[in-house]
C-alpha atoms as a PDB file:
ATOM      1  CA  MET A   1      -1.123  27.882  -3.150  1.00  0.00           C
ATOM      2  CA  ALA A   2      -1.993  24.187  -3.302  1.00  0.00           C
ATOM      3  CA  SER A   3      -4.119  23.069  -0.384  1.00  0.00           C
ATOM      4  CA  HIS A   4      -3.462  19.328  -0.697  1.00  0.00           C
ATOM      5  CA  LYS A   5      -0.326  17.275  -1.287  1.00  0.00           C
ATOM      6  CA  ILE A   6      -0.830  14.168  -3.387  1.00  0.00           C
ATOM      7  CA  LEU A   7       2.038  11.736  -3.643  1.00  0.00           C
ATOM      8  CA  VAL A   8       2.044   9.625  -6.816  1.00  0.00           C
ATOM      9  CA  ILE A   9       4.340   6.602  -6.501  1.00  0.00           C
ATOM     10  CA  ASP A  10       4.640   4.988  -9.920  1.00  0.00           C
ATOM     11  CA  ASP A  11       7.599   3.923 -12.033  1.00  0.00           C
ATOM     12  CA  SER A  12       5.811   5.191 -15.155  1.00  0.00           C
ATOM     13  CA  ASN A  13       6.435   8.850 -15.937  1.00  0.00           C
ATOM     14  CA  VAL A  14       3.322   8.702 -18.162  1.00  0.00           C
ATOM     15  CA  ILE A  15       1.076   7.730 -15.221  1.00  0.00           C
ATOM     16  CA  ARG A  16       2.599  10.361 -12.926  1.00  0.00           C
ATOM     17  CA  ASN A  17       2.053  13.083 -15.549  1.00  0.00           C
ATOM     18  CA  MET A  18      -1.435  11.775 -16.341  1.00  0.00           C
ATOM     19  CA  VAL A  19      -2.484  12.052 -12.676  1.00  0.00           C
ATOM     20  CA  ARG A  20      -1.020  15.563 -12.462  1.00  0.00           C
ATOM     21  CA  ASP A  21      -2.927  16.613 -15.609  1.00  0.00           C
ATOM     22  CA  MET A  22      -6.240  15.082 -14.472  1.00  0.00           C
ATOM     23  CA  LEU A  23      -6.344  16.844 -11.103  1.00  0.00           C
ATOM     24  CA  PRO A  24      -8.089  20.224 -10.847  1.00  0.00           C
ATOM     25  CA  LYS A  25      -5.502  22.975 -11.343  1.00  0.00           C
ATOM     26  CA  GLY A  26      -4.350  24.946  -8.304  1.00  0.00           C
ATOM     27  CA  ASN A  27      -5.884  22.661  -5.673  1.00  0.00           C
ATOM     28  CA  PHE A  28      -3.134  20.071  -5.467  1.00  0.00           C
ATOM     29  CA  GLU A  29       0.612  19.916  -5.116  1.00  0.00           C
ATOM     30  CA  VAL A  30       1.645  16.685  -6.826  1.00  0.00           C
ATOM     31  CA  LEU A  31       4.739  15.002  -5.439  1.00  0.00           C
ATOM     32  CA  GLU A  32       6.272  12.197  -7.489  1.00  0.00           C
ATOM     33  CA  ALA A  33       8.275   9.087  -6.702  1.00  0.00           C
ATOM     34  CA  LYS A  34       9.509   6.607  -9.316  1.00  0.00           C
ATOM     35  CA  ASP A  35      10.099   3.669  -6.966  1.00  0.00           C
ATOM     36  CA  GLY A  36       9.015   2.337  -3.585  1.00  0.00           C
ATOM     37  CA  VAL A  37      12.093   3.496  -1.644  1.00  0.00           C
ATOM     38  CA  GLN A  38      11.759   7.077  -2.887  1.00  0.00           C
ATOM     39  CA  GLY A  39       8.004   6.919  -2.248  1.00  0.00           C
ATOM     40  CA  LEU A  40       8.366   5.730   1.339  1.00  0.00           C
ATOM     41  CA  ASN A  41      10.935   8.466   2.025  1.00  0.00           C
ATOM     42  CA  LEU A  42       8.568  11.122   0.634  1.00  0.00           C
ATOM     43  CA  ILE A  43       5.661   9.751   2.705  1.00  0.00           C
ATOM     44  CA  ARG A  44       7.717  10.142   5.862  1.00  0.00           C
ATOM     45  CA  GLN A  45       9.176  13.562   4.931  1.00  0.00           C
ATOM     46  CA  GLU A  46       6.192  15.284   3.334  1.00  0.00           C
ATOM     47  CA  ARG A  47       3.179  13.672   5.071  1.00  0.00           C
ATOM     48  CA  PRO A  48       0.962  13.943   1.981  1.00  0.00           C
ATOM     49  CA  ASN A  49      -2.827  14.292   2.184  1.00  0.00           C
ATOM     50  CA  LEU A  50      -3.241  11.353  -0.221  1.00  0.00           C
ATOM     51  CA  ILE A  51      -1.030   8.569  -1.561  1.00  0.00           C
ATOM     52  CA  MET A  52      -1.498   7.025  -5.014  1.00  0.00           C
ATOM     53  CA  LEU A  53       0.549   3.832  -4.989  1.00  0.00           C
ATOM     54  CA  ASP A  54       1.366   1.560  -7.923  1.00  0.00           C
ATOM     55  CA  PHE A  55       1.432  -2.066  -6.812  1.00  0.00           C
ATOM     56  CA  LEU A  56       4.404  -3.103  -8.952  1.00  0.00           C
ATOM     57  CA  LEU A  57       7.451  -0.916  -8.348  1.00  0.00           C
ATOM     58  CA  PRO A  58      11.232  -1.275  -8.554  1.00  0.00           C
ATOM     59  CA  ARG A  59      13.489  -1.379  -5.473  1.00  0.00           C
ATOM     60  CA  LEU A  60      10.578  -1.725  -3.018  1.00  0.00           C
ATOM     61  CA  SER A  61       7.257  -3.043  -4.320  1.00  0.00           C
ATOM     62  CA  GLY A  62       3.934  -1.320  -3.770  1.00  0.00           C
ATOM     63  CA  TRP A  63       2.978  -4.265  -1.568  1.00  0.00           C
ATOM     64  CA  GLU A  64       6.046  -3.655   0.629  1.00  0.00           C
ATOM     65  CA  VAL A  65       5.309   0.091   0.796  1.00  0.00           C
ATOM     66  CA  TYR A  66       1.716  -0.744   1.764  1.00  0.00           C
ATOM     67  CA  GLN A  67       2.988  -3.031   4.554  1.00  0.00           C
ATOM     68  CA  GLN A  68       5.312  -0.302   5.848  1.00  0.00           C
ATOM     69  CA  ILE A  69       2.405   2.163   5.914  1.00  0.00           C
ATOM     70  CA  GLN A  70       0.320  -0.335   7.896  1.00  0.00           C
ATOM     71  CA  THR A  71       2.965  -0.653  10.618  1.00  0.00           C
ATOM     72  CA  GLN A  72       2.768   3.047  11.536  1.00  0.00           C
ATOM     73  CA  GLN A  73      -0.476   4.376  12.930  1.00  0.00           C
ATOM     74  CA  ASP A  74       0.134   7.972  11.769  1.00  0.00           C
ATOM     75  CA  LEU A  75       0.734   6.762   8.182  1.00  0.00           C
ATOM     76  CA  GLN A  76      -2.365   4.516   8.213  1.00  0.00           C
ATOM     77  CA  ALA A  77      -4.512   7.636   8.499  1.00  0.00           C
ATOM     78  CA  ILE A  78      -3.354   8.957   5.099  1.00  0.00           C
ATOM     79  CA  PRO A  79      -5.947   8.167   2.386  1.00  0.00           C
ATOM     80  CA  LEU A  80      -4.569   5.614  -0.069  1.00  0.00           C
ATOM     81  CA  VAL A  81      -5.395   4.720  -3.678  1.00  0.00           C
ATOM     82  CA  LEU A  82      -3.716   1.545  -4.932  1.00  0.00           C
ATOM     83  CA  MET A  83      -3.176   1.379  -8.701  1.00  0.00           C
ATOM     84  CA  SER A  84      -2.455  -1.582 -10.941  1.00  0.00           C
ATOM     85  CA  GLY A  85      -3.047  -2.708 -14.481  1.00  0.00           C
ATOM     86  CA  ARG A  86      -4.135  -6.085 -13.096  1.00  0.00           C
ATOM     87  CA  LYS A  87      -6.511  -6.111 -10.137  1.00  0.00           C
ATOM     88  CA  GLU A  88      -5.719  -9.773  -9.416  1.00  0.00           C
ATOM     89  CA  GLU A  89      -2.172  -8.736  -8.391  1.00  0.00           C
ATOM     90  CA  VAL A  90      -3.712  -6.710  -5.588  1.00  0.00           C
ATOM     91  CA  THR A  91      -6.414  -9.201  -4.602  1.00  0.00           C
ATOM     92  CA  GLU A  92      -3.818 -11.979  -4.288  1.00  0.00           C
ATOM     93  CA  LYS A  93      -2.449 -10.138  -1.255  1.00  0.00           C
ATOM     94  CA  LEU A  94      -5.365  -8.016  -0.036  1.00  0.00           C
ATOM     95  CA  GLN A  95      -8.899  -9.380   0.172  1.00  0.00           C
ATOM     96  CA  GLU A  96     -11.865  -7.436  -1.131  1.00  0.00           C
ATOM     97  CA  PRO A  97     -13.818  -5.452  -0.156  1.00  0.00           C
ATOM     98  CA  PHE A  98     -11.054  -2.936   0.415  1.00  0.00           C
ATOM     99  CA  GLU A  99     -12.133  -1.399   3.688  1.00  0.00           C
ATOM    100  CA  TYR A 100      -9.625   1.417   4.291  1.00  0.00           C
ATOM    101  CA  PHE A 101      -8.216   2.208   0.846  1.00  0.00           C
ATOM    102  CA  GLU A 102      -9.444   2.478  -2.738  1.00  0.00           C
ATOM    103  CA  PHE A 103      -8.294   0.650  -5.852  1.00  0.00           C
ATOM    104  CA  VAL A 104      -8.228   2.028  -9.400  1.00  0.00           C
ATOM    105  CA  GLN A 105      -7.333  -0.091 -12.389  1.00  0.00           C
ATOM    106  CA  LYS A 106      -4.975   1.313 -15.011  1.00  0.00           C
ATOM    107  CA  PRO A 107      -5.569   2.849 -17.423  1.00  0.00           C
ATOM    108  CA  PHE A 108      -8.132   5.136 -15.801  1.00  0.00           C
ATOM    109  CA  ASP A 109      -9.884   8.297 -16.903  1.00  0.00           C
ATOM    110  CA  GLN A 110     -10.349  11.553 -14.990  1.00  0.00           C
ATOM    111  CA  LYS A 111     -13.739  10.571 -13.527  1.00  0.00           C
ATOM    112  CA  GLU A 112     -12.371   7.234 -12.268  1.00  0.00           C
ATOM    113  CA  LEU A 113      -9.390   9.024 -10.703  1.00  0.00           C
ATOM    114  CA  ILE A 114     -11.524  11.654  -8.941  1.00  0.00           C
ATOM    115  CA  ASP A 115     -14.013   8.989  -7.763  1.00  0.00           C
ATOM    116  CA  ALA A 116     -11.139   6.863  -6.399  1.00  0.00           C
ATOM    117  CA  ILE A 117      -9.668   9.853  -4.541  1.00  0.00           C
ATOM    118  CA  LYS A 118     -13.056  10.721  -3.004  1.00  0.00           C
ATOM    119  CA  ALA A 119     -13.641   7.085  -1.998  1.00  0.00           C
ATOM    120  CA  ALA A 120     -10.156   6.823  -0.448  1.00  0.00           C
ATOM    121  CA  MET A 121     -10.775   9.988   1.578  1.00  0.00           C
ATOM    122  CA  ALA A 122     -14.113   8.639   2.840  1.00  0.00           C
ATOM    123  CA  LYS A 123     -12.666   5.208   3.665  1.00  0.00           C
ATOM    124  CA  SER A 124      -9.721   6.669   5.594  1.00  0.00           C
ATOM    125  CA  LYS A 125     -12.146   8.563   7.846  1.00  0.00           C
ATOM    126  CA  ARG A 126     -13.836   5.264   8.768  1.00  0.00           C
ATOM    127  CA  ARG A 127     -10.556   3.717   9.925  1.00  0.00           C
ATOM    128  CA  PRO A 128     -10.500   3.226  13.697  1.00  0.00           C
ATOM    129  CA  ILE A 129      -8.004   5.503  15.412  1.00  0.00           C
ATOM    130  CA  SER A 130      -6.790   2.694  17.658  1.00  0.00           C
ATOM    131  CA  ALA A 131      -5.977   0.336  14.763  1.00  0.00           C
ATOM    132  CA  PRO A 132      -3.182  -2.069  15.712  1.00  0.00           C
ATOM    133  CA  ALA A 133       0.277  -1.174  14.416  1.00  0.00           C
ATOM    134  CA  ALA A 134       0.804  -4.724  13.138  1.00  0.00           C
ATOM    135  CA  ALA A 135      -2.238  -4.687  10.823  1.00  0.00           C
ATOM    136  CA  ALA A 136      -0.213  -6.234   7.997  1.00  0.00           C
ATOM    137  CA  VAL A 137       0.639  -9.263  10.148  1.00  0.00           C
ATOM    138  CA  PRO A 138      -1.936 -12.078  10.016  1.00  0.00           C
ATOM    139  CA  ALA A 139      -3.948 -12.524  13.216  1.00  0.00           C
ATOM    140  CA  ALA A 140      -2.607 -16.064  13.635  1.00  0.00           C
ATOM    141  CA  ALA A 141       0.949 -14.707  13.927  1.00  0.00           C
ATOM    142  CA  VAL A 142       0.187 -12.094  16.592  1.00  0.00           C
ATOM    143  CA  PRO A 143      -0.092 -14.442  19.600  1.00  0.00           C
ATOM    144  CA  VAL A 144       3.315 -15.936  18.773  1.00  0.00           C
ATOM    145  CA  ALA A 145       4.906 -12.482  18.670  1.00  0.00           C
ATOM    146  CA  ALA A 146       3.048 -11.365  21.796  1.00  0.00           C
ATOM    147  CA  ALA A 147       3.967 -14.416  23.870  1.00  0.00           C
ATOM    148  CA  PRO A 148       7.458 -13.180  24.920  1.00  0.00           C
ATOM    149  CA  ALA A 149       5.920 -10.008  26.383  1.00  0.00           C
ATOM    150  CA  GLU A 150       4.061 -12.110  28.919  1.00  0.00           C
ATOM    151  CA  SER A 151       7.281 -13.797  30.002  1.00  0.00           C
ATOM    152  CA  GLY A 152       9.060 -10.490  30.657  1.00  0.00           C
ATOM    153  CA  ALA A 153      10.668  -9.794  27.258  1.00  0.00           C
ATOM    154  CA  SER A 154      11.301  -6.154  26.462  1.00  0.00           C
ATOM    155  CA  SER A 155       9.143  -4.233  24.027  1.00  0.00           C
ATOM    156  CA  THR A 156      12.188  -3.968  21.746  1.00  0.00           C
ATOM    157  CA  GLU A 157      12.406  -7.758  21.544  1.00  0.00           C
ATOM    158  CA  VAL A 158       8.669  -8.020  20.895  1.00  0.00           C
ATOM    159  CA  GLN A 159       8.918  -5.420  18.120  1.00  0.00           C
ATOM    160  CA  ALA A 160      11.910  -7.245  16.622  1.00  0.00           C
ATOM    161  CA  LEU A 161       9.868 -10.463  16.586  1.00  0.00           C
ATOM    162  CA  LYS A 162       6.904  -8.678  15.004  1.00  0.00           C
ATOM    163  CA  ASP A 163       9.214  -7.219  12.353  1.00  0.00           C
ATOM    164  CA  LYS A 164      10.602 -10.683  11.616  1.00  0.00           C
ATOM    165  CA  VAL A 165       7.082 -12.129  11.334  1.00  0.00           C
ATOM    166  CA  ALA A 166       6.051  -9.312   8.964  1.00  0.00           C
ATOM    167  CA  LYS A 167       9.178  -9.872   6.843  1.00  0.00           C
ATOM    168  CA  MET A 168       8.573 -13.619   6.731  1.00  0.00           C
ATOM    169  CA  GLN A 169       4.937 -13.024   5.758  1.00  0.00           C
ATOM    170  CA  ALA A 170       6.068 -10.728   2.933  1.00  0.00           C
ATOM    171  CA  GLU A 171       8.475 -13.418   1.732  1.00  0.00           C
ATOM    172  CA  ILE A 172       5.720 -16.061   1.904  1.00  0.00           C
ATOM    173  CA  ASP A 173       3.388 -13.778  -0.043  1.00  0.00           C
ATOM    174  CA  GLY A 174       6.104 -13.255  -2.665  1.00  0.00           C
ATOM    175  CA  LEU A 175       6.569 -17.007  -3.012  1.00  0.00           C
ATOM    176  CA  LYS A 176       2.802 -17.507  -3.292  1.00  0.00           C
ATOM    177  CA  LYS A 177       2.698 -14.900  -6.054  1.00  0.00           C
ATOM    178  CA  GLN A 178       5.554 -16.572  -7.912  1.00  0.00           C
ATOM    179  CA  MET A 179       3.809 -19.953  -7.597  1.00  0.00           C
ATOM    180  CA  SER A 180       0.581 -18.440  -8.896  1.00  0.00           C
ATOM    181  CA  GLN A 181       2.415 -16.925 -11.867  1.00  0.00           C
ATOM    182  CA  ILE A 182       4.084 -20.267 -12.632  1.00  0.00           C
ATOM    183  CA  LEU A 183       0.740 -22.070 -12.471  1.00  0.00           C
ATOM    184  CA  THR A 184      -0.866 -19.475 -14.733  1.00  0.00           C
ATOM    185  CA  PHE A 185       2.002 -19.843 -17.201  1.00  0.00           C
ATOM    186  CA  ILE A 186       1.709 -23.645 -17.176  1.00  0.00           C
ATOM    187  CA  LYS A 187      -2.081 -23.496 -17.650  1.00  0.00           C
ATOM    188  CA  GLN A 188      -1.627 -21.154 -20.625  1.00  0.00           C
ATOM    189  CA  LYS A 189       0.919 -23.508 -22.210  1.00  0.00           C
ATOM    190  CA  LEU A 190      -1.403 -26.501 -21.738  1.00  0.00           C
ATOM    191  CA  ARG A 191      -4.265 -24.816 -23.628  1.00  0.00           C
END
C-alpha cells in the first residue's frame, strides 16, 4: 500500500505520467489533476502529503491555486513543489529565495524531481505553525482590511474585505504579468 499521496496538478498528461514513472514504485499514490479547479478540489478532498503544482494551468492558474493554499493554514502545511518551464513566470509573483516551497524547472530528470520533493518536505517543516491566513495578501494591505475590526465590524465582514483585497491583488498581478509580456514582445520586435 502506498504510504504517501502526491498530487500532480499539470495540464500536460506527459508531465503527470513522467512524475508517476520517476517516483519509487510502491511508496507513492499519485493523484492527478489536469487543471487548477480539479487540483484545488483534490487538495481539499484527499489532503495529499505533497503537491506538485504547474504554474500555468487552465480554468484556475497555478498562481491562483497557490494563493488559495496560502489562505488556509491546514493547506499551508502541505509540502509544495511549483513547476514551470520558465522560472521567471514564478519569480514575477513570488520572490526568491523560496522559503516554504520548492521550485523545479521543466523539463526535469528523476534526480531533480527527488531533490525538489526532499527540499519541499524540509521547507514545509520550517514553516511557522502560526502563519497568518492572509499570507498571500501584501503586508501593506493588511492594515486596511483589519481597520474595520477595530471599529466593531464582524469577522465575516473583515474576511470579506480580506478576500476582496486578495482578489484585487491577483488581478493586479495578472495585469502586471500581461504588461511584462507586452514589454518583452515589444523589446523582441525592436531588436
